[in-house]
PDB file of all heavy atoms in Angstrom:
ATOM      1  N   VAL A   1     -17.667   0.128 -12.001  1.00  0.00           N
ATOM      2  CA  VAL A   1     -17.431  -0.823 -10.926  1.00  0.00           C
ATOM      3  C   VAL A   1     -16.966  -2.110 -11.590  1.00  0.00           C
ATOM      4  O   VAL A   1     -17.731  -2.793 -12.269  1.00  0.00           O
ATOM      5  CB  VAL A   1     -18.703  -1.065 -10.097  1.00  0.00           C
ATOM      6  CG1 VAL A   1     -18.447  -2.121  -9.019  1.00  0.00           C
ATOM      7  CG2 VAL A   1     -19.187   0.233  -9.462  1.00  0.00           C
ATOM      8  N   VAL A   2     -15.685  -2.421 -11.424  1.00  0.00           N
ATOM      9  CA  VAL A   2     -15.103  -3.545 -12.163  1.00  0.00           C
ATOM     10  C   VAL A   2     -15.108  -4.840 -11.355  1.00  0.00           C
ATOM     11  O   VAL A   2     -14.951  -5.928 -11.932  1.00  0.00           O
ATOM     12  CB  VAL A   2     -13.666  -3.217 -12.618  1.00  0.00           C
ATOM     13  CG1 VAL A   2     -13.676  -2.050 -13.597  1.00  0.00           C
ATOM     14  CG2 VAL A   2     -12.758  -2.900 -11.431  1.00  0.00           C
ATOM     15  N   ARG A   3     -15.277  -4.717 -10.039  1.00  0.00           N
ATOM     16  CA  ARG A   3     -15.263  -5.929  -9.218  1.00  0.00           C
ATOM     17  C   ARG A   3     -15.914  -5.636  -7.891  1.00  0.00           C
ATOM     18  O   ARG A   3     -15.738  -4.564  -7.322  1.00  0.00           O
ATOM     19  CB  ARG A   3     -13.826  -6.407  -9.011  1.00  0.00           C
ATOM     20  CG  ARG A   3     -13.713  -7.806  -8.413  1.00  0.00           C
ATOM     21  CD  ARG A   3     -12.249  -8.214  -8.341  1.00  0.00           C
ATOM     22  NE  ARG A   3     -12.091  -9.526  -7.740  1.00  0.00           N
ATOM     23  CZ  ARG A   3     -10.934 -10.066  -7.403  1.00  0.00           C
ATOM     24  NH1 ARG A   3      -9.808  -9.389  -7.620  1.00  0.00           N
ATOM     25  NH2 ARG A   3     -10.867 -11.263  -6.844  1.00  0.00           N
ATOM     26  N   THR A   4     -16.680  -6.585  -7.379  1.00  0.00           N
ATOM     27  CA  THR A   4     -17.270  -6.470  -6.045  1.00  0.00           C
ATOM     28  C   THR A   4     -16.980  -7.740  -5.263  1.00  0.00           C
ATOM     29  O   THR A   4     -16.791  -8.813  -5.826  1.00  0.00           O
ATOM     30  CB  THR A   4     -18.795  -6.240  -6.107  1.00  0.00           C
ATOM     31  OG1 THR A   4     -19.422  -7.355  -6.779  1.00  0.00           O
ATOM     32  CG2 THR A   4     -19.137  -4.947  -6.824  1.00  0.00           C
ATOM     33  N   GLY A   5     -16.913  -7.590  -3.959  1.00  0.00           N
ATOM     34  CA  GLY A   5     -16.653  -8.739  -3.110  1.00  0.00           C
ATOM     35  C   GLY A   5     -16.524  -8.322  -1.663  1.00  0.00           C
ATOM     36  O   GLY A   5     -17.019  -7.256  -1.259  1.00  0.00           O
ATOM     37  N   GLY A   6     -15.849  -9.140  -0.883  1.00  0.00           N
ATOM     38  CA  GLY A   6     -15.646  -8.841   0.523  1.00  0.00           C
ATOM     39  C   GLY A   6     -14.326  -8.147   0.768  1.00  0.00           C
ATOM     40  O   GLY A   6     -13.636  -7.705  -0.167  1.00  0.00           O
ATOM     41  N   ARG A   7     -13.928  -8.091   2.013  1.00  0.00           N
ATOM     42  CA  ARG A   7     -12.719  -7.369   2.391  1.00  0.00           C
ATOM     43  C   ARG A   7     -11.445  -8.016   1.853  1.00  0.00           C
ATOM     44  O   ARG A   7     -10.376  -7.411   1.902  1.00  0.00           O
ATOM     45  CB  ARG A   7     -12.651  -7.233   3.919  1.00  0.00           C
ATOM     46  CG  ARG A   7     -13.781  -6.390   4.512  1.00  0.00           C
ATOM     47  CD  ARG A   7     -13.657  -6.290   6.024  1.00  0.00           C
ATOM     48  NE  ARG A   7     -12.498  -5.492   6.416  1.00  0.00           N
ATOM     49  CZ  ARG A   7     -12.544  -4.203   6.725  1.00  0.00           C
ATOM     50  NH1 ARG A   7     -13.700  -3.541   6.652  1.00  0.00           N
ATOM     51  NH2 ARG A   7     -11.456  -3.559   7.090  1.00  0.00           N
ATOM     52  N   GLU A   8     -11.570  -9.225   1.337  1.00  0.00           N
ATOM     53  CA  GLU A   8     -10.392  -9.852   0.749  1.00  0.00           C
ATOM     54  C   GLU A   8      -9.900  -9.101  -0.489  1.00  0.00           C
ATOM     55  O   GLU A   8      -8.753  -9.287  -0.920  1.00  0.00           O
ATOM     56  CB  GLU A   8     -10.687 -11.314   0.377  1.00  0.00           C
ATOM     57  CG  GLU A   8     -11.660 -11.505  -0.781  1.00  0.00           C
ATOM     58  CD  GLU A   8     -13.127 -11.455  -0.359  1.00  0.00           C
ATOM     59  OE1 GLU A   8     -13.381 -11.236   0.848  1.00  0.00           O
ATOM     60  OE2 GLU A   8     -13.996 -11.638  -1.223  1.00  0.00           O
ATOM     61  N   LEU A   9     -10.753  -8.224  -1.048  1.00  0.00           N
ATOM     62  CA  LEU A   9     -10.335  -7.428  -2.203  1.00  0.00           C
ATOM     63  C   LEU A   9      -9.373  -6.306  -1.815  1.00  0.00           C
ATOM     64  O   LEU A   9      -8.696  -5.748  -2.675  1.00  0.00           O
ATOM     65  CB  LEU A   9     -11.554  -6.813  -2.901  1.00  0.00           C
ATOM     66  CG  LEU A   9     -12.545  -7.769  -3.558  1.00  0.00           C
ATOM     67  CD1 LEU A   9     -13.633  -6.982  -4.281  1.00  0.00           C
ATOM     68  CD2 LEU A   9     -11.834  -8.686  -4.544  1.00  0.00           C
ATOM     69  N   LEU A  10      -9.346  -5.975  -0.543  1.00  0.00           N
ATOM     70  CA  LEU A  10      -8.475  -4.889  -0.105  1.00  0.00           C
ATOM     71  C   LEU A  10      -7.029  -5.368  -0.089  1.00  0.00           C
ATOM     72  O   LEU A  10      -6.716  -6.456   0.400  1.00  0.00           O
ATOM     73  CB  LEU A  10      -8.863  -4.411   1.296  1.00  0.00           C
ATOM     74  CG  LEU A  10     -10.284  -3.854   1.448  1.00  0.00           C
ATOM     75  CD1 LEU A  10     -10.572  -3.553   2.908  1.00  0.00           C
ATOM     76  CD2 LEU A  10     -10.423  -2.590   0.609  1.00  0.00           C
ATOM     77  N   GLU A  11      -6.155  -4.531  -0.605  1.00  0.00           N
ATOM     78  CA  GLU A  11      -4.733  -4.820  -0.574  1.00  0.00           C
ATOM     79  C   GLU A  11      -4.061  -3.820   0.339  1.00  0.00           C
ATOM     80  O   GLU A  11      -4.545  -2.697   0.496  1.00  0.00           O
ATOM     81  CB  GLU A  11      -4.129  -4.721  -1.982  1.00  0.00           C
ATOM     82  CG  GLU A  11      -4.705  -5.736  -2.943  1.00  0.00           C
ATOM     83  CD  GLU A  11      -4.113  -5.603  -4.329  1.00  0.00           C
ATOM     84  OE1 GLU A  11      -3.285  -4.695  -4.503  1.00  0.00           O
ATOM     85  OE2 GLU A  11      -4.477  -6.386  -5.204  1.00  0.00           O
ATOM     86  N   PRO A  12      -2.950  -4.215   0.955  1.00  0.00           N
ATOM     87  CA  PRO A  12      -2.245  -3.259   1.808  1.00  0.00           C
ATOM     88  C   PRO A  12      -1.907  -2.006   1.026  1.00  0.00           C
ATOM     89  O   PRO A  12      -1.521  -2.067  -0.140  1.00  0.00           O
ATOM     90  CB  PRO A  12      -0.973  -4.016   2.230  1.00  0.00           C
ATOM     91  CG  PRO A  12      -1.326  -5.462   2.055  1.00  0.00           C
ATOM     92  CD  PRO A  12      -2.280  -5.517   0.903  1.00  0.00           C
ATOM     93  N   ALA A  13      -2.075  -0.860   1.673  1.00  0.00           N
ATOM     94  CA  ALA A  13      -1.741   0.410   1.018  1.00  0.00           C
ATOM     95  C   ALA A  13      -0.271   0.432   0.671  1.00  0.00           C
ATOM     96  O   ALA A  13       0.585  -0.014   1.427  1.00  0.00           O
ATOM     97  CB  ALA A  13      -2.084   1.590   1.930  1.00  0.00           C
ATOM     98  N   ALA A  14       0.013   0.944  -0.526  1.00  0.00           N
ATOM     99  CA  ALA A  14       1.409   1.063  -0.951  1.00  0.00           C
ATOM    100  C   ALA A  14       2.044   2.225  -0.226  1.00  0.00           C
ATOM    101  O   ALA A  14       1.780   3.375  -0.525  1.00  0.00           O
ATOM    102  CB  ALA A  14       1.480   1.272  -2.462  1.00  0.00           C
ATOM    103  N   GLY A  15       2.814   1.914   0.769  1.00  0.00           N
ATOM    104  CA  GLY A  15       3.449   2.978   1.534  1.00  0.00           C
ATOM    105  C   GLY A  15       4.677   3.508   0.833  1.00  0.00           C
ATOM    106  O   GLY A  15       5.125   2.980  -0.174  1.00  0.00           O
ATOM    107  N   CYS A  16       5.173   4.531   1.376  1.00  0.00           N
ATOM    108  CA  CYS A  16       6.404   5.133   0.834  1.00  0.00           C
ATOM    109  C   CYS A  16       7.584   4.584   1.630  1.00  0.00           C
ATOM    110  O   CYS A  16       7.720   4.859   2.822  1.00  0.00           O
ATOM    111  CB  CYS A  16       6.349   6.654   0.948  1.00  0.00           C
ATOM    112  SG  CYS A  16       7.880   7.474   0.489  1.00  0.00           S
ATOM    113  N   ALA A  17       8.385   3.756   0.970  1.00  0.00           N
ATOM    114  CA  ALA A  17       9.520   3.158   1.666  1.00  0.00           C
ATOM    115  C   ALA A  17      10.524   4.226   2.038  1.00  0.00           C
ATOM    116  O   ALA A  17      10.880   5.071   1.250  1.00  0.00           O
ATOM    117  CB  ALA A  17      10.174   2.110   0.753  1.00  0.00           C
ATOM    118  N   ARG A  18      10.936   4.160   3.265  1.00  0.00           N
ATOM    119  CA  ARG A  18      11.920   5.127   3.736  1.00  0.00           C
ATOM    120  C   ARG A  18      13.292   4.486   3.718  1.00  0.00           C
ATOM    121  O   ARG A  18      13.527   3.427   4.290  1.00  0.00           O
ATOM    122  CB  ARG A  18      11.577   5.581   5.156  1.00  0.00           C
ATOM    123  CG  ARG A  18      10.304   6.393   5.240  1.00  0.00           C
ATOM    124  CD  ARG A  18      10.016   6.825   6.659  1.00  0.00           C
ATOM    125  NE  ARG A  18      11.135   7.557   7.219  1.00  0.00           N
ATOM    126  CZ  ARG A  18      11.173   7.962   8.484  1.00  0.00           C
ATOM    127  NH1 ARG A  18      10.179   7.722   9.287  1.00  0.00           N
ATOM    128  NH2 ARG A  18      12.215   8.631   8.925  1.00  0.00           N
ATOM    129  N   ALA A  19      14.184   5.131   3.042  1.00  0.00           N
ATOM    130  CA  ALA A  19      15.542   4.609   2.955  1.00  0.00           C
ATOM    131  C   ALA A  19      16.248   4.765   4.286  1.00  0.00           C
ATOM    132  O   ALA A  19      15.927   5.635   5.076  1.00  0.00           O
ATOM    133  CB  ALA A  19      16.317   5.360   1.861  1.00  0.00           C
ATOM    134  N   SER A  20      17.211   3.875   4.511  1.00  0.00           N
ATOM    135  CA  SER A  20      17.975   3.991   5.739  1.00  0.00           C
ATOM    136  C   SER A  20      18.977   5.119   5.617  1.00  0.00           C
ATOM    137  O   SER A  20      19.361   5.515   4.520  1.00  0.00           O
ATOM    138  CB  SER A  20      18.706   2.676   6.019  1.00  0.00           C
ATOM    139  OG  SER A  20      19.596   2.385   4.956  1.00  0.00           O
ATOM    140  N   GLY A  21      19.413   5.629   6.762  1.00  0.00           N
ATOM    141  CA  GLY A  21      20.390   6.718   6.748  1.00  0.00           C
ATOM    142  C   GLY A  21      19.734   8.062   6.618  1.00  0.00           C
ATOM    143  O   GLY A  21      18.547   8.182   6.377  1.00  0.00           O
ATOM    144  N   ARG A  22      20.516   9.125   6.772  1.00  0.00           N
ATOM    145  CA  ARG A  22      20.016  10.477   6.706  1.00  0.00           C
ATOM    146  C   ARG A  22      20.432  11.110   5.394  1.00  0.00           C
ATOM    147  O   ARG A  22      21.494  10.833   4.865  1.00  0.00           O
ATOM    148  CB  ARG A  22      20.539  11.327   7.877  1.00  0.00           C
ATOM    149  CG  ARG A  22      20.351  10.697   9.237  1.00  0.00           C
ATOM    150  CD  ARG A  22      18.914  10.332   9.520  1.00  0.00           C
ATOM    151  NE  ARG A  22      18.056  11.512   9.457  1.00  0.00           N
ATOM    152  CZ  ARG A  22      16.755  11.445   9.516  1.00  0.00           C
ATOM    153  NH1 ARG A  22      16.147  10.286   9.611  1.00  0.00           N
ATOM    154  NH2 ARG A  22      16.044  12.547   9.471  1.00  0.00           N
ATOM    155  N   ALA A  23      19.566  12.014   4.889  1.00  0.00           N
ATOM    156  CA  ALA A  23      19.864  12.666   3.625  1.00  0.00           C
ATOM    157  C   ALA A  23      20.751  13.875   3.822  1.00  0.00           C
ATOM    158  O   ALA A  23      21.337  14.373   2.874  1.00  0.00           O
ATOM    159  CB  ALA A  23      18.563  13.086   2.942  1.00  0.00           C
ATOM    160  N   THR A  24      20.814  14.374   5.031  1.00  0.00           N
ATOM    161  CA  THR A  24      21.518  15.632   5.263  1.00  0.00           C
ATOM    162  C   THR A  24      22.391  15.514   6.493  1.00  0.00           C
ATOM    163  O   THR A  24      21.993  14.935   7.496  1.00  0.00           O
ATOM    164  CB  THR A  24      20.508  16.774   5.476  1.00  0.00           C
ATOM    165  OG1 THR A  24      19.606  16.790   4.385  1.00  0.00           O
ATOM    166  CG2 THR A  24      21.206  18.111   5.574  1.00  0.00           C
TER     167      THR A  24
END
């Protein structure tokens, strides 16, 4: 356990960026 605290420790989940346009 490297760090404890409140909800401020939470970072937005790294989502998968979707590119514009279609691949097919």
